[in-house]
């Protein structure tokens, strides 16, 4: 069985929070939901995020494995990413990532070492056009919400859910 990623780009914080909450209400654990934004977007939306909370999350990630710790620590809303998301440095794009995509990007989805963020996304199965769109969207302050689907039924359900919550673009890979 091949896992497919369903992703949606949001340019509205409330809509991205709504999408995460709707995915959780559908029964998905927090650890199954990925959220990506730039560090600049995190700073703009979450100026009050505690440095102590971020430091605690970093220590937890070191002790328990980054993907599981960050995914297990995040709260029900996007706001939690501001406190516990891990920053991954790609040339020209500091990303804050929480969820299963963290391990894929940090582990260097094929092409990450040489192709940066776009190479990592292409390595995860996204087309080059989609990777360009997401990189540009993130640079413009967008928030990417993603979830893996186990079959075509879930691809359809997750795609509809993200669209219903106001995603600007919804794609599956």
Protein backbone atom coordinates (compact mmCIF):
# COMPACT_ATOMS: atom_id res chain seq x y z
CA UNK A 1 0.00 0.00 0.00
CA UNK A 2 1.42 3.38 -1.04
CA UNK A 3 0.88 6.37 1.20
CA UNK A 4 -0.17 9.54 -0.60
CA UNK A 5 0.21 13.05 0.77
CA UNK A 6 -2.75 15.42 0.63
CA UNK A 7 -1.70 19.02 1.10
CA UNK A 8 -3.44 22.37 1.17
CA UNK A 9 -1.99 25.90 1.18
CA UNK A 10 -3.70 28.39 3.44
CA UNK A 11 -3.19 32.15 3.46
CA UNK A 12 -5.52 32.66 6.40
CA UNK A 13 -4.51 31.56 9.89
CA UNK A 14 -8.06 30.87 11.08
CA UNK A 15 -8.74 28.64 8.08
CA UNK A 16 -5.55 26.65 8.63
CA UNK A 17 -6.48 26.18 12.29
CA UNK A 18 -9.94 25.07 11.19
CA UNK A 19 -8.41 22.47 8.87
CA UNK A 20 -6.20 21.02 11.62
CA UNK A 21 -9.16 20.90 14.03
CA UNK A 22 -11.37 19.24 11.39
CA UNK A 23 -8.73 16.59 10.69
CA UNK A 24 -8.48 15.87 14.42
CA UNK A 25 -12.28 15.72 14.73
CA UNK A 26 -12.23 13.16 11.94
CA UNK A 27 -10.14 11.00 14.24
CA UNK A 28 -6.61 11.66 13.02
CA UNK A 29 -4.04 11.90 15.78
CA UNK A 30 -1.99 15.09 15.98
CA UNK A 31 1.05 13.07 15.00
CA UNK A 32 -0.52 12.36 11.59
CA UNK A 33 -1.01 16.04 10.67
CA UNK A 34 1.84 18.10 9.25
CA UNK A 35 2.05 21.89 9.36
CA UNK A 36 4.71 23.95 7.59
CA UNK A 37 5.31 27.69 7.65
CA UNK A 38 8.32 29.95 7.48
CA UNK A 39 9.95 31.14 10.66
CA UNK A 40 8.93 34.68 9.60
CA UNK A 41 5.27 33.60 9.40
CA UNK A 42 5.51 32.02 12.84
CA UNK A 43 7.00 35.22 14.23
CA UNK A 44 4.30 37.37 12.61
CA UNK A 45 1.36 35.31 13.87
CA UNK A 46 2.76 34.17 17.19
CA UNK A 47 4.87 36.92 18.69
CA UNK A 48 3.94 35.69 22.18
CA UNK A 49 5.29 32.18 21.67
CA UNK A 50 7.44 31.43 24.67
CA UNK A 51 11.14 30.85 24.12
CA UNK A 52 11.06 28.58 27.17
CA UNK A 53 8.34 26.44 25.59
CA UNK A 54 10.33 26.18 22.38
CA UNK A 55 13.47 25.21 24.32
CA UNK A 56 11.52 22.57 26.26
CA UNK A 57 10.15 21.14 23.00
CA UNK A 58 13.66 21.02 21.54
CA UNK A 59 14.92 19.08 24.59
CA UNK A 60 11.98 16.68 24.30
CA UNK A 61 12.75 16.17 20.61
CA UNK A 62 16.38 15.34 21.39
CA UNK A 63 15.35 12.78 24.00
CA UNK A 64 12.51 11.07 22.21
CA UNK A 65 13.22 11.33 18.49
CA UNK A 66 12.35 14.48 16.61
CA UNK A 67 9.35 13.33 14.56
CA UNK A 68 7.48 11.62 17.38
CA UNK A 69 8.31 14.22 20.01
CA UNK A 70 7.32 17.21 17.95
CA UNK A 71 4.24 15.47 16.61
CA UNK A 72 3.25 14.30 20.07
CA UNK A 73 3.80 17.68 21.69
CA UNK A 74 1.87 19.86 19.26
CA UNK A 75 -1.53 21.07 20.36
CA UNK A 76 -4.84 21.00 18.56
CA UNK A 77 -4.22 24.32 16.80
CA UNK A 78 -1.63 25.83 14.54
CA UNK A 79 -0.61 28.11 17.42
CA UNK A 80 1.20 25.19 19.00
CA UNK A 81 3.59 25.14 16.05
CA UNK A 82 4.84 28.53 17.16
CA UNK A 83 6.04 27.01 20.39
CA UNK A 84 7.24 23.56 19.37
CA UNK A 85 7.79 23.47 15.62
CA UNK A 86 11.31 22.61 14.56
CA UNK A 87 13.11 25.02 12.25
CA UNK A 88 14.72 23.35 9.26
CA UNK A 89 17.18 25.54 7.40
CA UNK A 90 16.95 25.42 3.63
CA UNK A 91 18.85 28.05 1.67
CA UNK A 92 16.70 31.19 1.71
CA UNK A 93 13.80 29.53 3.51
CA UNK A 94 13.78 28.81 7.26
CA UNK A 95 10.85 26.44 7.75
CA UNK A 96 8.95 25.62 10.90
CA UNK A 97 7.69 22.06 10.56
CA UNK A 98 5.61 19.83 12.82
CA UNK A 99 4.27 16.38 12.04
CA UNK A 100 5.34 13.46 9.85
CA UNK A 101 6.70 15.69 7.08
CA UNK A 102 9.37 16.78 9.56
CA UNK A 103 11.10 13.40 9.41
CA UNK A 104 10.85 13.28 5.62
CA UNK A 105 12.27 16.78 5.15
CA UNK A 106 14.89 16.53 7.89
CA UNK A 107 15.88 13.07 6.71
CA UNK A 108 16.38 14.50 3.26
CA UNK A 109 13.54 13.23 1.15
CA UNK A 110 15.35 12.43 -2.11
CA UNK A 111 17.05 15.53 -3.37
CA UNK A 112 16.99 17.57 -0.16
CA UNK A 113 20.74 17.68 0.22
CA UNK A 114 21.32 19.03 -3.26
CA UNK A 115 17.98 20.53 -4.27
CA UNK A 116 16.94 22.28 -1.06
CA UNK A 117 13.29 22.52 -0.13
CA UNK A 118 12.01 22.02 -3.67
CA UNK A 119 14.16 18.91 -4.06
CA UNK A 120 12.77 17.55 -0.81
CA UNK A 121 9.17 18.12 -1.93
CA UNK A 122 9.84 16.54 -5.31
CA UNK A 123 11.41 13.60 -3.48
CA UNK A 124 8.15 13.21 -1.55
CA UNK A 125 6.28 12.82 -4.84
CA UNK A 126 5.13 16.36 -5.59
CA UNK A 127 5.54 17.70 -9.10
CA UNK A 128 8.08 20.44 -9.74
CA UNK A 129 5.24 22.91 -10.46
CA UNK A 130 3.61 22.07 -7.12
CA UNK A 131 6.93 22.37 -5.26
CA UNK A 132 7.50 25.81 -6.82
CA UNK A 133 3.98 26.89 -5.84
CA UNK A 134 4.42 25.71 -2.24
CA UNK A 135 7.82 27.32 -1.84
CA UNK A 136 6.47 30.63 -3.18
CA UNK A 137 3.32 30.35 -1.03
CA UNK A 138 5.36 29.72 2.10
CA UNK A 139 7.61 32.68 1.30
CA UNK A 140 4.48 34.84 0.94
CA UNK A 141 3.27 33.88 4.42
CA UNK A 142 1.22 30.79 3.62
CA UNK A 143 0.72 27.83 5.93
CA UNK A 144 0.85 24.35 4.43
CA UNK A 145 -1.26 21.65 6.08
CA UNK A 146 -0.69 18.06 5.04
CA UNK A 147 -1.80 14.58 5.93
CA UNK A 148 -1.02 11.15 4.54
CA UNK A 149 -3.84 9.11 3.07
CA UNK A 150 -3.79 5.33 2.99
CA UNK A 151 -6.09 4.96 -0.02
CA UNK A 152 -8.03 6.82 -2.70
CA UNK A 153 -11.08 7.15 -0.46
CA UNK A 154 -9.03 9.04 2.14
CA UNK A 155 -7.40 11.14 -0.59
CA UNK A 156 -10.87 12.27 -1.63
CA UNK A 157 -12.06 12.84 1.93
CA UNK A 158 -8.98 14.79 3.03
CA UNK A 159 -8.96 16.84 -0.17
CA UNK A 160 -12.60 17.81 0.32
CA UNK A 161 -12.01 18.65 3.98
CA UNK A 162 -9.07 20.96 3.20
CA UNK A 163 -11.04 22.65 0.40
CA UNK A 164 -14.06 23.10 2.69
CA UNK A 165 -11.79 24.79 5.24
CA UNK A 166 -10.59 27.30 2.65
CA UNK A 167 -7.33 25.91 1.28
CA UNK A 168 -6.13 27.96 -1.68
CA UNK A 169 -4.75 24.86 -3.39
CA UNK A 170 -5.27 21.22 -2.54
CA UNK A 171 -3.18 18.53 -4.13
CA UNK A 172 -2.27 14.91 -3.61
CA UNK A 173 0.93 13.15 -4.55
